[in-house]
C-alpha atoms as a PDB file:
ATOM      1  CA  MET A   1      42.621  -7.331  -4.677  1.00  0.00           C
ATOM      2  CA  ASN A   2      40.178  -9.921  -5.930  1.00  0.00           C
ATOM      3  CA  GLN A   3      41.658 -12.862  -7.873  1.00  0.00           C
ATOM      4  CA  ILE A   4      38.896 -12.856 -10.503  1.00  0.00           C
ATOM      5  CA  PHE A   5      39.015  -9.140 -11.311  1.00  0.00           C
ATOM      6  CA  GLN A   6      42.186  -7.538 -12.599  1.00  0.00           C
ATOM      7  CA  ARG A   7      41.595  -4.340 -10.626  1.00  0.00           C
ATOM      8  CA  GLU A   8      40.069  -3.676  -7.241  1.00  0.00           C
ATOM      9  CA  MET A   9      36.306  -3.625  -7.297  1.00  0.00           C
ATOM     10  CA  PRO A  10      34.813  -0.103  -7.246  1.00  0.00           C
ATOM     11  CA  ARG A  11      32.981   1.042  -4.130  1.00  0.00           C
ATOM     12  CA  TRP A  12      29.573   0.566  -5.720  1.00  0.00           C
ATOM     13  CA  HIS A  13      30.274  -3.185  -6.026  1.00  0.00           C
ATOM     14  CA  ALA A  14      30.916  -3.519  -2.303  1.00  0.00           C
ATOM     15  CA  PRO A  15      28.287  -5.610  -0.466  1.00  0.00           C
ATOM     16  CA  ASN A  16      27.645  -2.755   1.953  1.00  0.00           C
ATOM     17  CA  ASP A  17      26.902  -0.066  -0.642  1.00  0.00           C
ATOM     18  CA  ASP A  18      23.910   2.234  -0.192  1.00  0.00           C
ATOM     19  CA  ARG A  19      22.071   1.583  -3.466  1.00  0.00           C
ATOM     20  CA  ILE A  20      18.480   0.408  -3.372  1.00  0.00           C
ATOM     21  CA  PRO A  21      18.238  -2.894  -5.260  1.00  0.00           C
ATOM     22  CA  THR A  22      15.765  -3.545  -8.053  1.00  0.00           C
ATOM     23  CA  GLY A  23      12.385  -4.549  -6.652  1.00  0.00           C
ATOM     24  CA  ALA A  24       9.429  -3.280  -4.624  1.00  0.00           C
ATOM     25  CA  HIS A  25      10.052  -1.182  -1.519  1.00  0.00           C
ATOM     26  CA  ARG A  26       7.602   0.277   1.011  1.00  0.00           C
ATOM     27  CA  VAL A  27       8.378   3.964   1.446  1.00  0.00           C
ATOM     28  CA  ALA A  28       6.934   7.232   2.752  1.00  0.00           C
ATOM     29  CA  VAL A  29       7.459  10.796   1.515  1.00  0.00           C
ATOM     30  CA  ILE A  30       9.552  12.671   4.074  1.00  0.00           C
ATOM     31  CA  THR A  31      10.223  15.924   2.201  1.00  0.00           C
ATOM     32  CA  SER A  32       9.173  17.630  -1.000  1.00  0.00           C
ATOM     33  CA  ASN A  33      10.806  20.763  -2.367  1.00  0.00           C
ATOM     34  CA  ARG A  34      10.766  22.952  -5.442  1.00  0.00           C
ATOM     35  CA  LEU A  35      14.382  23.568  -6.378  1.00  0.00           C
ATOM     36  CA  LEU A  36      15.584  26.374  -8.582  1.00  0.00           C
ATOM     37  CA  PRO A  37      19.097  25.736  -9.894  1.00  0.00           C
ATOM     38  CA  GLN A  38      21.433  28.719  -9.919  1.00  0.00           C
ATOM     39  CA  THR A  39      22.186  28.127 -13.584  1.00  0.00           C
ATOM     40  CA  GLU A  40      19.821  28.538 -16.513  1.00  0.00           C
ATOM     41  CA  PHE A  41      18.076  25.210 -15.900  1.00  0.00           C
ATOM     42  CA  LEU A  42      14.371  24.982 -15.169  1.00  0.00           C
ATOM     43  CA  PRO A  43      13.031  24.501 -11.647  1.00  0.00           C
ATOM     44  CA  TYR A  44      12.144  20.957 -10.626  1.00  0.00           C
ATOM     45  CA  TYR A  45      10.500  19.213  -7.707  1.00  0.00           C
ATOM     46  CA  VAL A  46      12.248  16.635  -5.536  1.00  0.00           C
ATOM     47  CA  PHE A  47      10.260  14.163  -3.471  1.00  0.00           C
ATOM     48  CA  ARG A  48      12.451  12.373  -0.944  1.00  0.00           C
ATOM     49  CA  TYR A  49      11.268   8.931   0.125  1.00  0.00           C
ATOM     50  CA  MET A  50      12.513   6.854   3.043  1.00  0.00           C
ATOM     51  CA  VAL A  51      12.239   3.077   3.033  1.00  0.00           C
ATOM     52  CA  VAL A  52      10.071   2.198   6.040  1.00  0.00           C
ATOM     53  CA  GLY A  53       9.632  -1.003   7.999  1.00  0.00           C
ATOM     54  CA  LYS A  54      12.146  -3.566   9.070  1.00  0.00           C
ATOM     55  CA  GLY A  55      14.879  -5.095   7.006  1.00  0.00           C
ATOM     56  CA  ARG A  56      18.221  -4.418   5.456  1.00  0.00           C
ATOM     57  CA  PHE A  57      17.139  -1.361   3.482  1.00  0.00           C
ATOM     58  CA  ALA A  58      15.049   0.377   6.174  1.00  0.00           C
ATOM     59  CA  GLY A  59      15.989   4.035   6.492  1.00  0.00           C
ATOM     60  CA  ARG A  60      17.522   4.319   3.013  1.00  0.00           C
ATOM     61  CA  ILE A  61      16.660   7.469   1.085  1.00  0.00           C
ATOM     62  CA  ILE A  62      15.415   7.693  -2.516  1.00  0.00           C
ATOM     63  CA  ASP A  63      15.028  10.995  -4.380  1.00  0.00           C
ATOM     64  CA  ASP A  64      12.396  11.201  -7.109  1.00  0.00           C
ATOM     65  CA  ILE A  65      12.619  14.221  -9.435  1.00  0.00           C
ATOM     66  CA  PHE A  66       9.583  15.682 -11.197  1.00  0.00           C
ATOM     67  CA  ARG A  67      10.084  18.220 -14.018  1.00  0.00           C
ATOM     68  CA  LEU A  68       6.624  19.788 -13.834  1.00  0.00           C
ATOM     69  CA  GLU A  69       7.678  23.093 -15.424  1.00  0.00           C
ATOM     70  CA  ASP A  70       9.418  21.692 -18.503  1.00  0.00           C
ATOM     71  CA  PRO A  71       8.636  23.658 -21.704  1.00  0.00           C
ATOM     72  CA  ASN A  72       8.166  20.415 -23.676  1.00  0.00           C
ATOM     73  CA  PRO A  73       4.441  19.576 -23.379  1.00  0.00           C
ATOM     74  CA  SER A  74       4.933  15.805 -23.660  1.00  0.00           C
ATOM     75  CA  ILE A  75       7.520  15.758 -20.855  1.00  0.00           C
ATOM     76  CA  ARG A  76       5.314  17.987 -18.729  1.00  0.00           C
ATOM     77  CA  ALA A  77       2.302  15.695 -19.316  1.00  0.00           C
ATOM     78  CA  THR A  78       4.349  12.619 -18.389  1.00  0.00           C
ATOM     79  CA  GLU A  79       5.613  14.276 -15.211  1.00  0.00           C
ATOM     80  CA  TYR A  80       2.100  15.318 -14.157  1.00  0.00           C
ATOM     81  CA  GLN A  81       0.953  11.752 -14.845  1.00  0.00           C
ATOM     82  CA  ARG A  82       3.708  10.456 -12.528  1.00  0.00           C
ATOM     83  CA  LEU A  83       2.644  12.949  -9.827  1.00  0.00           C
ATOM     84  CA  SER A  84      -0.946  11.760 -10.217  1.00  0.00           C
ATOM     85  CA  MET A  85       0.199   8.140  -9.782  1.00  0.00           C
ATOM     86  CA  LEU A  86       2.056   9.130  -6.617  1.00  0.00           C
ATOM     87  CA  CYS A  87      -1.050  10.893  -5.283  1.00  0.00           C
ATOM     88  CA  HIS A  88      -3.241   7.855  -6.003  1.00  0.00           C
ATOM     89  CA  ALA A  89      -0.728   5.567  -4.295  1.00  0.00           C
ATOM     90  CA  VAL A  90      -0.930   7.587  -1.054  1.00  0.00           C
ATOM     91  CA  ASP A  91      -4.736   8.029  -1.388  1.00  0.00           C
ATOM     92  CA  VAL A  92      -4.627  11.809  -1.802  1.00  0.00           C
ATOM     93  CA  LEU A  93      -6.716  12.318  -4.928  1.00  0.00           C
ATOM     94  CA  GLN A  94      -6.381  16.099  -4.981  1.00  0.00           C
ATOM     95  CA  ILE A  95      -3.673  18.249  -3.420  1.00  0.00           C
ATOM     96  CA  LYS A  96      -5.490  21.149  -1.813  1.00  0.00           C
ATOM     97  CA  ALA A  97      -2.760  23.343  -0.329  1.00  0.00           C
ATOM     98  CA  SER A  98       0.720  21.851  -0.638  1.00  0.00           C
ATOM     99  CA  THR A  99       2.630  18.665  -1.269  1.00  0.00           C
ATOM    100  CA  GLN A 100       3.037  18.251   2.487  1.00  0.00           C
ATOM    101  CA  GLU A 101      -0.330  16.453   2.351  1.00  0.00           C
ATOM    102  CA  LEU A 102       1.613  13.520   0.867  1.00  0.00           C
ATOM    103  CA  HIS A 103       4.162  13.338   3.703  1.00  0.00           C
ATOM    104  CA  GLY A 104       4.236  10.376   6.064  1.00  0.00           C
ATOM    105  CA  ARG A 105       1.792   8.181   4.143  1.00  0.00           C
ATOM    106  CA  PRO A 106       3.191   4.743   3.314  1.00  0.00           C
ATOM    107  CA  PHE A 107       3.064   3.381  -0.225  1.00  0.00           C
ATOM    108  CA  GLU A 108       5.110   1.039  -2.374  1.00  0.00           C
ATOM    109  CA  ILE A 109       7.435   1.887  -5.233  1.00  0.00           C
ATOM    110  CA  GLY A 110       8.984  -0.358  -7.846  1.00  0.00           C
ATOM    111  CA  VAL A 111      12.634   0.496  -8.371  1.00  0.00           C
ATOM    112  CA  MET A 112      14.935  -0.543 -11.196  1.00  0.00           C
ATOM    113  CA  THR A 113      18.612  -0.051 -10.374  1.00  0.00           C
ATOM    114  CA  VAL A 114      21.172  -0.042 -13.159  1.00  0.00           C
ATOM    115  CA  GLY A 115      24.721   0.832 -12.161  1.00  0.00           C
ATOM    116  CA  ARG A 116      24.520   3.743  -9.774  1.00  0.00           C
ATOM    117  CA  LEU A 117      21.160   4.950 -11.103  1.00  0.00           C
ATOM    118  CA  SER A 118      17.868   3.964  -9.470  1.00  0.00           C
ATOM    119  CA  ILE A 119      14.670   4.668 -11.407  1.00  0.00           C
ATOM    120  CA  VAL A 120      11.230   4.660  -9.795  1.00  0.00           C
ATOM    121  CA  GLU A 121       9.135   2.734 -12.285  1.00  0.00           C
ATOM    122  CA  SER A 122       5.865   2.161 -10.427  1.00  0.00           C
ATOM    123  CA  TYR A 123       3.769   3.426  -7.540  1.00  0.00           C
ATOM    124  CA  ALA A 124       1.267   1.318  -5.574  1.00  0.00           C
ATOM    125  CA  SER A 125      -0.915   1.767  -2.543  1.00  0.00           C
ATOM    126  CA  VAL A 126      -0.293  -0.517   0.419  1.00  0.00           C
ATOM    127  CA  ARG A 127      -4.014  -1.330   0.662  1.00  0.00           C
ATOM    128  CA  PRO A 128      -4.784  -4.933  -0.365  1.00  0.00           C
ATOM    129  CA  GLY A 129      -6.116  -5.283  -3.907  1.00  0.00           C
ATOM    130  CA  SER A 130      -5.108  -1.782  -4.984  1.00  0.00           C
ATOM    131  CA  PRO A 131      -3.678  -1.254  -8.494  1.00  0.00           C
ATOM    132  CA  THR A 132      -0.037  -0.604  -9.360  1.00  0.00           C
ATOM    133  CA  TYR A 133       0.597   2.458 -11.527  1.00  0.00           C
ATOM    134  CA  LYS A 134       3.455   2.021 -14.003  1.00  0.00           C
ATOM    135  CA  THR A 135       5.540   5.041 -14.914  1.00  0.00           C
ATOM    136  CA  PRO A 136       5.367   5.770 -18.658  1.00  0.00           C
ATOM    137  CA  GLY A 137       8.294   4.303 -20.561  1.00  0.00           C
ATOM    138  CA  THR A 138       9.167   1.655 -17.971  1.00  0.00           C
ATOM    139  CA  GLU A 139       7.111  -1.183 -19.389  1.00  0.00           C
ATOM    140  CA  PRO A 140       8.502  -3.077 -22.358  1.00  0.00           C
ATOM    141  CA  ASP A 141       7.069  -2.302 -25.758  1.00  0.00           C
ATOM    142  CA  GLU A 142       7.367  -4.568 -28.764  1.00  0.00           C
ATOM    143  CA  ASP A 143      11.004  -4.682 -29.846  1.00  0.00           C
ATOM    144  CA  ASP A 144      11.989  -2.254 -27.090  1.00  0.00           C
ATOM    145  CA  TYR A 145      15.774  -2.518 -27.296  1.00  0.00           C
ATOM    146  CA  HIS A 146      16.558   0.003 -24.549  1.00  0.00           C
ATOM    147  CA  TYR A 147      14.308  -1.667 -21.961  1.00  0.00           C
ATOM    148  CA  ASP A 148      15.728  -5.109 -22.765  1.00  0.00           C
ATOM    149  CA  GLN A 149      19.284  -3.746 -22.591  1.00  0.00           C
ATOM    150  CA  ALA A 150      18.661  -2.076 -19.216  1.00  0.00           C
ATOM    151  CA  MET A 151      17.187  -5.289 -17.798  1.00  0.00           C
ATOM    152  CA  ALA A 152      20.135  -7.321 -19.117  1.00  0.00           C
ATOM    153  CA  ASP A 153      22.574  -4.812 -17.584  1.00  0.00           C
ATOM    154  CA  ALA A 154      20.780  -5.021 -14.227  1.00  0.00           C
ATOM    155  CA  GLU A 155      20.882  -8.835 -14.259  1.00  0.00           C
ATOM    156  CA  ARG A 156      24.556  -8.857 -15.268  1.00  0.00           C
ATOM    157  CA  GLU A 157      25.430  -6.409 -12.500  1.00  0.00           C
ATOM    158  CA  ALA A 158      23.524  -8.471  -9.922  1.00  0.00           C
ATOM    159  CA  GLU A 159      25.544 -11.526 -10.969  1.00  0.00           C
ATOM    160  CA  ILE A 160      28.818  -9.584 -10.688  1.00  0.00           C
ATOM    161  CA  MET A 161      27.858  -8.292  -7.246  1.00  0.00           C
ATOM    162  CA  ALA A 162      26.899 -11.772  -6.045  1.00  0.00           C
ATOM    163  CA  HIS A 163      30.139 -13.188  -7.421  1.00  0.00           C
ATOM    164  CA  GLY A 164      32.205 -10.436  -5.804  1.00  0.00           C
ATOM    165  CA  TYR A 165      30.419 -10.953  -2.487  1.00  0.00           C
ATOM    166  CA  ALA A 166      31.101 -14.688  -2.643  1.00  0.00           C
ATOM    167  CA  GLN A 167      34.775 -14.057  -3.422  1.00  0.00           C
ATOM    168  CA  MET A 168      35.126 -11.675  -0.489  1.00  0.00           C
ATOM    169  CA  HIS A 169      32.976 -13.481   2.101  1.00  0.00           C
ATOM    170  CA  GLY A 170      32.531 -17.043   0.871  1.00  0.00           C
ATOM    171  CA  PRO A 171      29.282 -18.569  -0.396  1.00  0.00           C
ATOM    172  CA  ARG A 172      26.036 -17.372   1.187  1.00  0.00           C
END
């Protein structure tokens, strides 16, 4: 048990946990599926990304969920906008037959991790000078309390993780 914390640290605070940290990561789509839950929920689409390249996070998996069939028109519009940003990031401007056209093409995502939840907040092409597409609702608005709170939580958790790592393994 750690001397600083009264209880043992949960698994997600361990230095070898599988979460993707906040930041930019180069990924590629490896699968895309339309899932139909067995309950009364609406179908949704899951795009599974794998972090590519070398480094500590290579091979990690990120699932991105798109609710393209939501009955709420504003949610549906936002989800189609996110899909469009993904398509632009992989340089597929129009999907002709299936989402498999997006598979295997590298691009970069911006991830914000808070607790155990990782949110894809931007998509960017890996070509030099290409734009970054921000997911709606992930950029701070004036007096945006929820965004500021999420960022503060992420910073606080990063400090706790660094402190716990130093307590377990000594300073870096």
